[in-house]
Amino acid sequence: LFSFSTVEKDDISDNSQSEKVDIPEHILPIFKKSCFDC
């Protein structure tokens, strides 16, 4: 049981170190048009 709680704790800390990159509303349509197919 302890091994599972350690894994979850590590996963949470990894996610907190990463900031989300929000693609702004004026950029998203460009990427959808030109990039998202691939």
Full PDB file with SEQRES, HELIX, SHEET, SSBOND, CRYST1, ORIGX, SCALE, CONECT and MASTER records, all heavy atoms in Angstrom:
SEQRES   1 A   38  LEU PHE SER PHE SER THR VAL GLU LYS ASP ASP ILE SER          
SEQRES   2 A   38  ASP ASN SER GLN SER GLU LYS VAL ASP ILE PRO GLU HIS          
SEQRES   3 A   38  ILE LEU PRO ILE PHE LYS LYS SER CYS PHE ASP CYS              
HELIX    1 AA1 PHE A    2  GLN A   17  1                                  16    
HELIX    2 AA2 LEU A   28  SER A   34  1                                   7    
CRYST1    1.000    1.000    1.000  90.00  90.00  90.00 P 1           1          
ORIGX1      1.000000  0.000000  0.000000        0.00000                         
ORIGX2      0.000000  1.000000  0.000000        0.00000                         
ORIGX3      0.000000  0.000000  1.000000        0.00000                         
SCALE1      1.000000  0.000000  0.000000        0.00000                         
SCALE2      0.000000  1.000000  0.000000        0.00000                         
SCALE3      0.000000  0.000000  1.000000        0.00000                         
ATOM      1  N   LEU A   1       0.829  -1.215   0.000  1.00  0.00           N  
ATOM      2  CA  LEU A   1       0.000   0.000   0.000  1.00  0.00           C  
ATOM      3  C   LEU A   1       0.858   1.258   0.000  1.00  0.00           C  
ATOM      4  O   LEU A   1       0.547   2.236  -0.668  1.00  0.00           O  
ATOM      5  CB  LEU A   1      -0.957  -0.006   1.190  1.00  0.00           C  
ATOM      6  CG  LEU A   1      -2.042  -1.080   1.165  1.00  0.00           C  
ATOM      7  CD1 LEU A   1      -2.826  -1.078   2.476  1.00  0.00           C  
ATOM      8  CD2 LEU A   1      -2.973  -0.888  -0.012  1.00  0.00           C  
ATOM      9  N   PHE A   2       1.950   1.236   0.758  1.00  0.00           N  
ATOM     10  CA  PHE A   2       2.838   2.395   0.810  1.00  0.00           C  
ATOM     11  C   PHE A   2       3.465   2.680  -0.554  1.00  0.00           C  
ATOM     12  O   PHE A   2       3.624   3.830  -0.949  1.00  0.00           O  
ATOM     13  CB  PHE A   2       3.924   2.167   1.859  1.00  0.00           C  
ATOM     14  CG  PHE A   2       4.865   3.321   2.001  1.00  0.00           C  
ATOM     15  CD1 PHE A   2       4.454   4.507   2.590  1.00  0.00           C  
ATOM     16  CD2 PHE A   2       6.165   3.243   1.531  1.00  0.00           C  
ATOM     17  CE1 PHE A   2       5.311   5.578   2.709  1.00  0.00           C  
ATOM     18  CE2 PHE A   2       7.031   4.304   1.638  1.00  0.00           C  
ATOM     19  CZ  PHE A   2       6.605   5.482   2.235  1.00  0.00           C  
ATOM     20  N   SER A   3       3.780   1.630  -1.314  1.00  0.00           N  
ATOM     21  CA  SER A   3       4.392   1.837  -2.626  1.00  0.00           C  
ATOM     22  C   SER A   3       3.439   2.561  -3.568  1.00  0.00           C  
ATOM     23  O   SER A   3       3.852   3.375  -4.382  1.00  0.00           O  
ATOM     24  CB  SER A   3       4.844   0.509  -3.233  1.00  0.00           C  
ATOM     25  OG  SER A   3       3.727  -0.284  -3.573  1.00  0.00           O  
ATOM     26  N   PHE A   4       2.144   2.309  -3.467  1.00  0.00           N  
ATOM     27  CA  PHE A   4       1.172   3.013  -4.302  1.00  0.00           C  
ATOM     28  C   PHE A   4       1.057   4.474  -3.908  1.00  0.00           C  
ATOM     29  O   PHE A   4       0.959   5.347  -4.747  1.00  0.00           O  
ATOM     30  CB  PHE A   4      -0.208   2.354  -4.236  1.00  0.00           C  
ATOM     31  CG  PHE A   4      -0.340   1.181  -5.140  1.00  0.00           C  
ATOM     32  CD1 PHE A   4      -0.489  -0.090  -4.618  1.00  0.00           C  
ATOM     33  CD2 PHE A   4      -0.296   1.326  -6.507  1.00  0.00           C  
ATOM     34  CE1 PHE A   4      -0.603  -1.190  -5.446  1.00  0.00           C  
ATOM     35  CE2 PHE A   4      -0.408   0.243  -7.353  1.00  0.00           C  
ATOM     36  CZ  PHE A   4      -0.563  -1.029  -6.822  1.00  0.00           C  
ATOM     37  N   SER A   5       1.067   4.765  -2.631  1.00  0.00           N  
ATOM     38  CA  SER A   5       0.941   6.162  -2.200  1.00  0.00           C  
ATOM     39  C   SER A   5       2.168   6.959  -2.615  1.00  0.00           C  
ATOM     40  O   SER A   5       2.067   8.122  -2.952  1.00  0.00           O  
ATOM     41  CB  SER A   5       0.710   6.261  -0.694  1.00  0.00           C  
ATOM     42  OG  SER A   5       1.849   5.816   0.010  1.00  0.00           O  
ATOM     43  N   THR A   6       3.333   6.368  -2.660  1.00  0.00           N  
ATOM     44  CA  THR A   6       4.545   7.050  -3.096  1.00  0.00           C  
ATOM     45  C   THR A   6       4.467   7.382  -4.578  1.00  0.00           C  
ATOM     46  O   THR A   6       4.818   8.476  -4.991  1.00  0.00           O  
ATOM     47  CB  THR A   6       5.780   6.167  -2.815  1.00  0.00           C  
ATOM     48  OG1 THR A   6       5.805   5.851  -1.426  1.00  0.00           O  
ATOM     49  CG2 THR A   6       7.052   6.876  -3.211  1.00  0.00           C  
ATOM     50  N   VAL A   7       3.967   6.468  -5.390  1.00  0.00           N  
ATOM     51  CA  VAL A   7       3.838   6.710  -6.825  1.00  0.00           C  
ATOM     52  C   VAL A   7       2.894   7.865  -7.077  1.00  0.00           C  
ATOM     53  O   VAL A   7       3.182   8.761  -7.847  1.00  0.00           O  
ATOM     54  CB  VAL A   7       3.358   5.428  -7.558  1.00  0.00           C  
ATOM     55  CG1 VAL A   7       2.974   5.747  -8.985  1.00  0.00           C  
ATOM     56  CG2 VAL A   7       4.430   4.367  -7.498  1.00  0.00           C  
ATOM     57  N   GLU A   8       1.773   7.894  -6.394  1.00  0.00           N  
ATOM     58  CA  GLU A   8       0.817   8.979  -6.585  1.00  0.00           C  
ATOM     59  C   GLU A   8       1.422  10.308  -6.193  1.00  0.00           C  
ATOM     60  O   GLU A   8       1.251  11.297  -6.875  1.00  0.00           O  
ATOM     61  CB  GLU A   8      -0.450   8.711  -5.761  1.00  0.00           C  
ATOM     62  CG  GLU A   8      -1.290   7.579  -6.305  1.00  0.00           C  
ATOM     63  CD  GLU A   8      -2.501   7.314  -5.445  1.00  0.00           C  
ATOM     64  OE1 GLU A   8      -3.198   8.287  -5.101  1.00  0.00           O  
ATOM     65  OE2 GLU A   8      -2.735   6.149  -5.123  1.00  0.00           O  
ATOM     66  N   LYS A   9       2.168  10.348  -5.105  1.00  0.00           N  
ATOM     67  CA  LYS A   9       2.792  11.584  -4.656  1.00  0.00           C  
ATOM     68  C   LYS A   9       3.770  12.092  -5.703  1.00  0.00           C  
ATOM     69  O   LYS A   9       3.811  13.266  -6.018  1.00  0.00           O  
ATOM     70  CB  LYS A   9       3.488  11.354  -3.317  1.00  0.00           C  
ATOM     71  CG  LYS A   9       4.063  12.602  -2.720  1.00  0.00           C  
ATOM     72  CD  LYS A   9       4.665  12.306  -1.369  1.00  0.00           C  
ATOM     73  CE  LYS A   9       5.254  13.553  -0.763  1.00  0.00           C  
ATOM     74  NZ  LYS A   9       5.893  13.284   0.517  1.00  0.00           N  
ATOM     75  N   ASP A  10       4.581  11.198  -6.283  1.00  0.00           N  
ATOM     76  CA  ASP A  10       5.532  11.593  -7.329  1.00  0.00           C  
ATOM     77  C   ASP A  10       4.804  12.135  -8.540  1.00  0.00           C  
ATOM     78  O   ASP A  10       5.223  13.122  -9.138  1.00  0.00           O  
ATOM     79  CB  ASP A  10       6.403  10.407  -7.731  1.00  0.00           C  
ATOM     80  CG  ASP A  10       7.397  10.019  -6.654  1.00  0.00           C  
ATOM     81  OD1 ASP A  10       7.632  10.824  -5.728  1.00  0.00           O  
ATOM     82  OD2 ASP A  10       7.933   8.903  -6.742  1.00  0.00           O  
ATOM     83  N   ASP A  11       3.701  11.503  -8.950  1.00  0.00           N  
ATOM     84  CA  ASP A  11       2.934  11.968 -10.098  1.00  0.00           C  
ATOM     85  C   ASP A  11       2.403  13.370  -9.861  1.00  0.00           C  
ATOM     86  O   ASP A  11       2.444  14.213 -10.740  1.00  0.00           O  
ATOM     87  CB  ASP A  11       1.757  11.026 -10.393  1.00  0.00           C  
ATOM     88  CG  ASP A  11       2.218   9.700 -10.981  1.00  0.00           C  
ATOM     89  OD1 ASP A  11       3.393   9.623 -11.403  1.00  0.00           O  
ATOM     90  OD2 ASP A  11       1.410   8.761 -11.012  1.00  0.00           O  
ATOM     91  N   ILE A  12       1.910  13.647  -8.677  1.00  0.00           N  
ATOM     92  CA  ILE A  12       1.357  14.964  -8.362  1.00  0.00           C  
ATOM     93  C   ILE A  12       2.447  16.025  -8.417  1.00  0.00           C  
ATOM     94  O   ILE A  12       2.271  17.086  -8.988  1.00  0.00           O  
ATOM     95  CB  ILE A  12       0.660  14.952  -6.977  1.00  0.00           C  
ATOM     96  CG1 ILE A  12      -0.593  14.095  -7.050  1.00  0.00           C  
ATOM     97  CG2 ILE A  12       0.333  16.362  -6.516  1.00  0.00           C  
ATOM     98  CD1 ILE A  12      -1.217  13.798  -5.705  1.00  0.00           C  
ATOM     99  N   SER A  13       3.616  15.723  -7.868  1.00  0.00           N  
ATOM    100  CA  SER A  13       4.684  16.723  -7.876  1.00  0.00           C  
ATOM    101  C   SER A  13       5.178  16.990  -9.290  1.00  0.00           C  
ATOM    102  O   SER A  13       5.510  18.110  -9.621  1.00  0.00           O  
ATOM    103  CB  SER A  13       5.836  16.286  -6.967  1.00  0.00           C  
ATOM    104  OG  SER A  13       6.464  15.141  -7.487  1.00  0.00           O  
ATOM    105  N   ASP A  14       5.226  15.985 -10.162  1.00  0.00           N  
ATOM    106  CA  ASP A  14       5.628  16.210 -11.541  1.00  0.00           C  
ATOM    107  C   ASP A  14       4.670  17.144 -12.247  1.00  0.00           C  
ATOM    108  O   ASP A  14       5.076  18.025 -12.977  1.00  0.00           O  
ATOM    109  CB  ASP A  14       5.696  14.887 -12.315  1.00  0.00           C  
ATOM    110  CG  ASP A  14       6.920  14.069 -11.931  1.00  0.00           C  
ATOM    111  OD1 ASP A  14       7.817  14.642 -11.280  1.00  0.00           O  
ATOM    112  OD2 ASP A  14       6.953  12.877 -12.274  1.00  0.00           O  
ATOM    113  N   ASN A  15       3.364  16.973 -12.026  1.00  0.00           N  
ATOM    114  CA  ASN A  15       2.374  17.824 -12.669  1.00  0.00           C  
ATOM    115  C   ASN A  15       2.448  19.251 -12.157  1.00  0.00           C  
ATOM    116  O   ASN A  15       2.223  20.188 -12.903  1.00  0.00           O  
ATOM    117  CB  ASN A  15       0.961  17.264 -12.455  1.00  0.00           C  
ATOM    118  CG  ASN A  15       0.723  16.005 -13.256  1.00  0.00           C  
ATOM    119  OD1 ASN A  15       1.391  15.773 -14.244  1.00  0.00           O  
ATOM    120  ND2 ASN A  15      -0.215  15.205 -12.819  1.00  0.00           N  
ATOM    121  N   SER A  16       2.754  19.440 -10.891  1.00  0.00           N  
ATOM    122  CA  SER A  16       2.787  20.791 -10.347  1.00  0.00           C  
ATOM    123  C   SER A  16       3.989  21.580 -10.865  1.00  0.00           C  
ATOM    124  O   SER A  16       3.969  22.796 -10.854  1.00  0.00           O  
ATOM    125  CB  SER A  16       2.791  20.757  -8.823  1.00  0.00           C  
ATOM    126  OG  SER A  16       3.985  20.171  -8.357  1.00  0.00           O  
ATOM    127  N   GLN A  17       5.042  20.901 -11.304  1.00  0.00           N  
ATOM    128  CA  GLN A  17       6.208  21.597 -11.836  1.00  0.00           C  
ATOM    129  C   GLN A  17       5.964  22.115 -13.242  1.00  0.00           C  
ATOM    130  O   GLN A  17       6.680  22.963 -13.724  1.00  0.00           O  
ATOM    131  CB  GLN A  17       7.408  20.645 -11.862  1.00  0.00           C  
ATOM    132  CG  GLN A  17       7.910  20.272 -10.500  1.00  0.00           C  
ATOM    133  CD  GLN A  17       9.014  19.233 -10.574  1.00  0.00           C  
ATOM    134  OE1 GLN A  17       9.301  18.695 -11.634  1.00  0.00           O  
ATOM    135  NE2 GLN A  17       9.619  18.955  -9.442  1.00  0.00           N  
ATOM    136  N   SER A  18       4.972  21.615 -13.888  1.00  0.00           N  
ATOM    137  CA  SER A  18       4.715  21.943 -15.282  1.00  0.00           C  
ATOM    138  C   SER A  18       3.609  22.991 -15.375  1.00  0.00           C  
ATOM    139  O   SER A  18       2.533  22.796 -14.845  1.00  0.00           O  
ATOM    140  CB  SER A  18       4.308  20.662 -16.016  1.00  0.00           C  
ATOM    141  OG  SER A  18       3.795  20.946 -17.263  1.00  0.00           O  
ATOM    142  N   GLU A  19       3.903  24.089 -16.039  1.00  0.00           N  
ATOM    143  CA  GLU A  19       2.885  25.104 -16.267  1.00  0.00           C  
ATOM    144  C   GLU A  19       2.171  24.811 -17.567  1.00  0.00           C  
ATOM    145  O   GLU A  19       2.788  24.423 -18.549  1.00  0.00           O  
ATOM    146  CB  GLU A  19       3.528  26.491 -16.364  1.00  0.00           C  
ATOM    147  CG  GLU A  19       4.060  27.002 -15.057  1.00  0.00           C  
ATOM    148  CD  GLU A  19       4.649  28.387 -15.215  1.00  0.00           C  
ATOM    149  OE1 GLU A  19       4.176  29.157 -16.078  1.00  0.00           O  
ATOM    150  OE2 GLU A  19       5.593  28.678 -14.489  1.00  0.00           O  
ATOM    151  N   LYS A  20       0.882  25.031 -17.587  1.00  0.00           N  
ATOM    152  CA  LYS A  20       0.104  24.781 -18.790  1.00  0.00           C  
ATOM    153  C   LYS A  20       0.363  25.885 -19.813  1.00  0.00           C  
ATOM    154  O   LYS A  20       0.449  27.051 -19.457  1.00  0.00           O  
ATOM    155  CB  LYS A  20      -1.377  24.729 -18.436  1.00  0.00           C  
ATOM    156  CG  LYS A  20      -2.240  24.354 -19.607  1.00  0.00           C  
ATOM    157  CD  LYS A  20      -3.658  24.159 -19.203  1.00  0.00           C  
ATOM    158  CE  LYS A  20      -4.458  23.755 -20.422  1.00  0.00           C  
ATOM    159  NZ  LYS A  20      -5.849  23.540 -20.140  1.00  0.00           N  
ATOM    160  N   VAL A  21       0.507  25.486 -21.050  1.00  0.00           N  
ATOM    161  CA  VAL A  21       0.638  26.446 -22.140  1.00  0.00           C  
ATOM    162  C   VAL A  21      -0.742  26.585 -22.758  1.00  0.00           C  
ATOM    163  O   VAL A  21      -1.239  25.665 -23.397  1.00  0.00           O  
ATOM    164  CB  VAL A  21       1.653  25.977 -23.207  1.00  0.00           C  
ATOM    165  CG1 VAL A  21       1.652  26.918 -24.392  1.00  0.00           C  
ATOM    166  CG2 VAL A  21       3.037  25.871 -22.612  1.00  0.00           C  
ATOM    167  N   ASP A  22      -1.357  27.706 -22.509  1.00  0.00           N  
ATOM    168  CA  ASP A  22      -2.668  27.962 -23.105  1.00  0.00           C  
ATOM    169  C   ASP A  22      -2.471  28.626 -24.456  1.00  0.00           C  
ATOM    170  O   ASP A  22      -1.788  29.643 -24.563  1.00  0.00           O  
ATOM    171  CB  ASP A  22      -3.499  28.887 -22.206  1.00  0.00           C  
ATOM    172  CG  ASP A  22      -4.007  28.170 -20.967  1.00  0.00           C  
ATOM    173  OD1 ASP A  22      -4.395  27.001 -21.084  1.00  0.00           O  
ATOM    174  OD2 ASP A  22      -4.019  28.796 -19.892  1.00  0.00           O  
ATOM    175  N   ILE A  23      -3.068  28.030 -25.457  1.00  0.00           N  
ATOM    176  CA  ILE A  23      -3.018  28.635 -26.780  1.00  0.00           C  
ATOM    177  C   ILE A  23      -4.154  29.652 -26.829  1.00  0.00           C  
ATOM    178  O   ILE A  23      -5.316  29.288 -26.671  1.00  0.00           O  
ATOM    179  CB  ILE A  23      -3.166  27.570 -27.886  1.00  0.00           C  
ATOM    180  CG1 ILE A  23      -2.024  26.547 -27.776  1.00  0.00           C  
ATOM    181  CG2 ILE A  23      -3.169  28.232 -29.260  1.00  0.00           C  
ATOM    182  CD1 ILE A  23      -2.150  25.365 -28.703  1.00  0.00           C  
ATOM    183  N   PRO A  24      -3.831  30.926 -27.027  1.00  0.00           N  
ATOM    184  CA  PRO A  24      -4.862  31.969 -26.992  1.00  0.00           C  
ATOM    185  C   PRO A  24      -5.908  31.809 -28.101  1.00  0.00           C  
ATOM    186  O   PRO A  24      -5.654  31.183 -29.131  1.00  0.00           O  
ATOM    187  CB  PRO A  24      -4.085  33.265 -27.194  1.00  0.00           C  
ATOM    188  CG  PRO A  24      -2.650  32.927 -27.150  1.00  0.00           C  
ATOM    189  CD  PRO A  24      -2.508  31.450 -27.273  1.00  0.00           C  
ATOM    190  N   GLU A  25      -7.064  32.405 -27.861  1.00  0.00           N  
ATOM    191  CA  GLU A  25      -8.194  32.295 -28.793  1.00  0.00           C  
ATOM    192  C   GLU A  25      -7.862  32.798 -30.190  1.00  0.00           C  
ATOM    193  O   GLU A  25      -8.413  32.293 -31.165  1.00  0.00           O  
ATOM    194  CB  GLU A  25      -9.399  33.059 -28.241  1.00  0.00           C  
ATOM    195  CG  GLU A  25     -10.050  32.375 -27.062  1.00  0.00           C  
ATOM    196  CD  GLU A  25     -11.270  33.116 -26.560  1.00  0.00           C  
ATOM    197  OE1 GLU A  25     -11.913  33.842 -27.348  1.00  0.00           O  
ATOM    198  OE2 GLU A  25     -11.585  32.968 -25.372  1.00  0.00           O  
ATOM    199  N   HIS A  26      -6.990  33.788 -30.323  1.00  0.00           N  
ATOM    200  CA  HIS A  26      -6.660  34.304 -31.658  1.00  0.00           C  
ATOM    201  C   HIS A  26      -5.613  33.447 -32.374  1.00  0.00           C  
ATOM    202  O   HIS A  26      -5.461  33.543 -33.589  1.00  0.00           O  
ATOM    203  CB  HIS A  26      -6.218  35.778 -31.577  1.00  0.00           C  
ATOM    204  CG  HIS A  26      -4.882  36.000 -30.927  1.00  0.00           C  
ATOM    205  ND1 HIS A  26      -4.677  35.839 -29.571  1.00  0.00           N  
ATOM    206  CD2 HIS A  26      -3.694  36.368 -31.456  1.00  0.00           C  
ATOM    207  CE1 HIS A  26      -3.417  36.106 -29.293  1.00  0.00           C  
ATOM    208  NE2 HIS A  26      -2.795  36.429 -30.420  1.00  0.00           N  
ATOM    209  N   ILE A  27      -4.919  32.574 -31.650  1.00  0.00           N  
ATOM    210  CA  ILE A  27      -3.902  31.693 -32.239  1.00  0.00           C  
ATOM    211  C   ILE A  27      -4.473  30.308 -32.528  1.00  0.00           C  
ATOM    212  O   ILE A  27      -4.115  29.676 -33.529  1.00  0.00           O  
ATOM    213  CB  ILE A  27      -2.667  31.580 -31.311  1.00  0.00           C  
ATOM    214  CG1 ILE A  27      -2.045  32.951 -31.063  1.00  0.00           C  
ATOM    215  CG2 ILE A  27      -1.646  30.590 -31.854  1.00  0.00           C  
ATOM    216  CD1 ILE A  27      -1.490  33.632 -32.301  1.00  0.00           C  
ATOM    217  N   LEU A  28      -5.355  29.849 -31.692  1.00  0.00           N  
ATOM    218  CA  LEU A  28      -5.911  28.500 -31.829  1.00  0.00           C  
ATOM    219  C   LEU A  28      -6.501  28.221 -33.217  1.00  0.00           C  
ATOM    220  O   LEU A  28      -6.199  27.166 -33.796  1.00  0.00           O  
ATOM    221  CB  LEU A  28      -6.950  28.250 -30.728  1.00  0.00           C  
ATOM    222  CG  LEU A  28      -7.441  26.823 -30.572  1.00  0.00           C  
ATOM    223  CD1 LEU A  28      -6.298  25.861 -30.311  1.00  0.00           C  
ATOM    224  CD2 LEU A  28      -8.462  26.745 -29.449  1.00  0.00           C  
ATOM    225  N   PRO A  29      -7.283  29.127 -33.810  1.00  0.00           N  
ATOM    226  CA  PRO A  29      -7.805  28.845 -35.162  1.00  0.00           C  
ATOM    227  C   PRO A  29      -6.714  28.677 -36.225  1.00  0.00           C  
ATOM    228  O   PRO A  29      -6.872  27.904 -37.164  1.00  0.00           O  
ATOM    229  CB  PRO A  29      -8.675  30.062 -35.479  1.00  0.00           C  
ATOM    230  CG  PRO A  29      -8.964  30.702 -34.180  1.00  0.00           C  
ATOM    231  CD  PRO A  29      -7.827  30.362 -33.267  1.00  0.00           C  
ATOM    232  N   ILE A  30      -5.602  29.361 -36.038  1.00  0.00           N  
ATOM    233  CA  ILE A  30      -4.487  29.236 -36.983  1.00  0.00           C  
ATOM    234  C   ILE A  30      -3.908  27.825 -36.902  1.00  0.00           C  
ATOM    235  O   ILE A  30      -3.701  27.166 -37.919  1.00  0.00           O  
ATOM    236  CB  ILE A  30      -3.394  30.295 -36.704  1.00  0.00           C  
ATOM    237  CG1 ILE A  30      -3.961  31.707 -36.843  1.00  0.00           C  
ATOM    238  CG2 ILE A  30      -2.178  30.080 -37.622  1.00  0.00           C  
ATOM    239  CD1 ILE A  30      -3.047  32.797 -36.309  1.00  0.00           C  
ATOM    240  N   PHE A  31      -3.659  27.376 -35.682  1.00  0.00           N  
ATOM    241  CA  PHE A  31      -3.132  26.029 -35.497  1.00  0.00           C  
ATOM    242  C   PHE A  31      -4.140  24.971 -35.943  1.00  0.00           C  
ATOM    243  O   PHE A  31      -3.755  23.968 -36.542  1.00  0.00           O  
ATOM    244  CB  PHE A  31      -2.726  25.792 -34.047  1.00  0.00           C  
ATOM    245  CG  PHE A  31      -1.450  26.483 -33.636  1.00  0.00           C  
ATOM    246  CD1 PHE A  31      -1.233  26.818 -32.312  1.00  0.00           C  
ATOM    247  CD2 PHE A  31      -0.457  26.785 -34.547  1.00  0.00           C  
ATOM    248  CE1 PHE A  31      -0.064  27.438 -31.908  1.00  0.00           C  
ATOM    249  CE2 PHE A  31       0.720  27.407 -34.158  1.00  0.00           C  
ATOM    250  CZ  PHE A  31       0.908  27.735 -32.827  1.00  0.00           C  
ATOM    251  N   LYS A  32      -5.412  25.203 -35.664  1.00  0.00           N  
ATOM    252  CA  LYS A  32      -6.437  24.247 -36.105  1.00  0.00           C  
ATOM    253  C   LYS A  32      -6.433  24.127 -37.622  1.00  0.00           C  
ATOM    254  O   LYS A  32      -6.522  23.038 -38.170  1.00  0.00           O  
ATOM    255  CB  LYS A  32      -7.822  24.674 -35.616  1.00  0.00           C  
ATOM    256  CG  LYS A  32      -8.071  24.349 -34.168  1.00  0.00           C  
ATOM    257  CD  LYS A  32      -9.484  24.723 -33.758  1.00  0.00           C  
ATOM    258  CE  LYS A  32      -9.741  24.363 -32.312  1.00  0.00           C  
ATOM    259  NZ  LYS A  32     -11.103  24.691 -31.883  1.00  0.00           N  
ATOM    260  N   LYS A  33      -6.323  25.243 -38.281  1.00  0.00           N  
ATOM    261  CA  LYS A  33      -6.340  25.258 -39.745  1.00  0.00           C  
ATOM    262  C   LYS A  33      -5.084  24.631 -40.337  1.00  0.00           C  
ATOM    263  O   LYS A  33      -5.166  23.797 -41.239  1.00  0.00           O  
ATOM    264  CB  LYS A  33      -6.471  26.703 -40.247  1.00  0.00           C  
ATOM    265  CG  LYS A  33      -6.385  26.851 -41.763  1.00  0.00           C  
ATOM    266  CD  LYS A  33      -6.393  28.298 -42.188  1.00  0.00           C  
ATOM    267  CE  LYS A  33      -4.970  28.805 -42.229  1.00  0.00           C  
ATOM    268  NZ  LYS A  33      -4.791  30.064 -42.912  1.00  0.00           N  
ATOM    269  N   SER A  34      -3.927  24.992 -39.816  1.00  0.00           N  
ATOM    270  CA  SER A  34      -2.669  24.651 -40.473  1.00  0.00           C  
ATOM    271  C   SER A  34      -1.884  23.513 -39.838  1.00  0.00           C  
ATOM    272  O   SER A  34      -0.985  22.973 -40.480  1.00  0.00           O  
ATOM    273  CB  SER A  34      -1.762  25.889 -40.511  1.00  0.00           C  
ATOM    274  OG  SER A  34      -2.366  26.927 -41.234  1.00  0.00           O  
ATOM    275  N   CYS A  35      -2.211  23.131 -38.604  1.00  0.00           N  
ATOM    276  CA  CYS A  35      -1.350  22.182 -37.889  1.00  0.00           C  
ATOM    277  C   CYS A  35      -2.075  20.944 -37.352  1.00  0.00           C  
ATOM    278  O   CYS A  35      -1.490  19.862 -37.298  1.00  0.00           O  
ATOM    279  CB  CYS A  35      -0.686  22.877 -36.704  1.00  0.00           C  
ATOM    280  SG  CYS A  35       0.203  24.396 -37.120  1.00  0.00           S  
ATOM    281  N   PHE A  36      -3.326  21.116 -36.925  1.00  0.00           N  
ATOM    282  CA  PHE A  36      -3.993  20.047 -36.174  1.00  0.00           C  
ATOM    283  C   PHE A  36      -4.309  18.802 -36.995  1.00  0.00           C  
ATOM    284  O   PHE A  36      -4.480  17.729 -36.422  1.00  0.00           O  
ATOM    285  CB  PHE A  36      -5.271  20.572 -35.532  1.00  0.00           C  
ATOM    286  CG  PHE A  36      -5.062  21.321 -34.242  1.00  0.00           C  
ATOM    287  CD1 PHE A  36      -3.845  21.892 -33.929  1.00  0.00           C  
ATOM    288  CD2 PHE A  36      -6.093  21.457 -33.352  1.00  0.00           C  
ATOM    289  CE1 PHE A  36      -3.651  22.597 -32.755  1.00  0.00           C  
ATOM    290  CE2 PHE A  36      -5.915  22.153 -32.159  1.00  0.00           C  
ATOM    291  CZ  PHE A  36      -4.693  22.713 -31.863  1.00  0.00           C  
ATOM    292  N   ASP A  37      -4.373  18.898 -38.326  1.00  0.00           N  
ATOM    293  CA  ASP A  37      -4.628  17.689 -39.121  1.00  0.00           C  
ATOM    294  C   ASP A  37      -3.551  16.633 -38.872  1.00  0.00           C  
ATOM    295  O   ASP A  37      -3.826  15.431 -38.937  1.00  0.00           O  
ATOM    296  CB  ASP A  37      -4.678  18.009 -40.615  1.00  0.00           C  
ATOM    297  CG  ASP A  37      -5.982  18.664 -41.030  1.00  0.00           C  
ATOM    298  OD1 ASP A  37      -6.909  18.769 -40.203  1.00  0.00           O  
ATOM    299  OD2 ASP A  37      -6.071  19.081 -42.208  1.00  0.00           O  
ATOM    300  N   CYS A  38      -2.347  17.086 -38.570  1.00  0.00           N  
ATOM    301  CA  CYS A  38      -1.228  16.160 -38.353  1.00  0.00           C  
ATOM    302  C   CYS A  38      -0.719  16.146 -36.914  1.00  0.00           C  
ATOM    303  O   CYS A  38      -0.077  15.176 -36.497  1.00  0.00           O  
ATOM    304  CB  CYS A  38      -0.060  16.519 -39.269  1.00  0.00           C  
ATOM    305  SG  CYS A  38      -0.469  16.448 -41.025  1.00  0.00           S  
TER     306      CYS A  38                                                      
MASTER        0    0    0    2    0    0    0    6  305    1    0    3          
END                                                                             
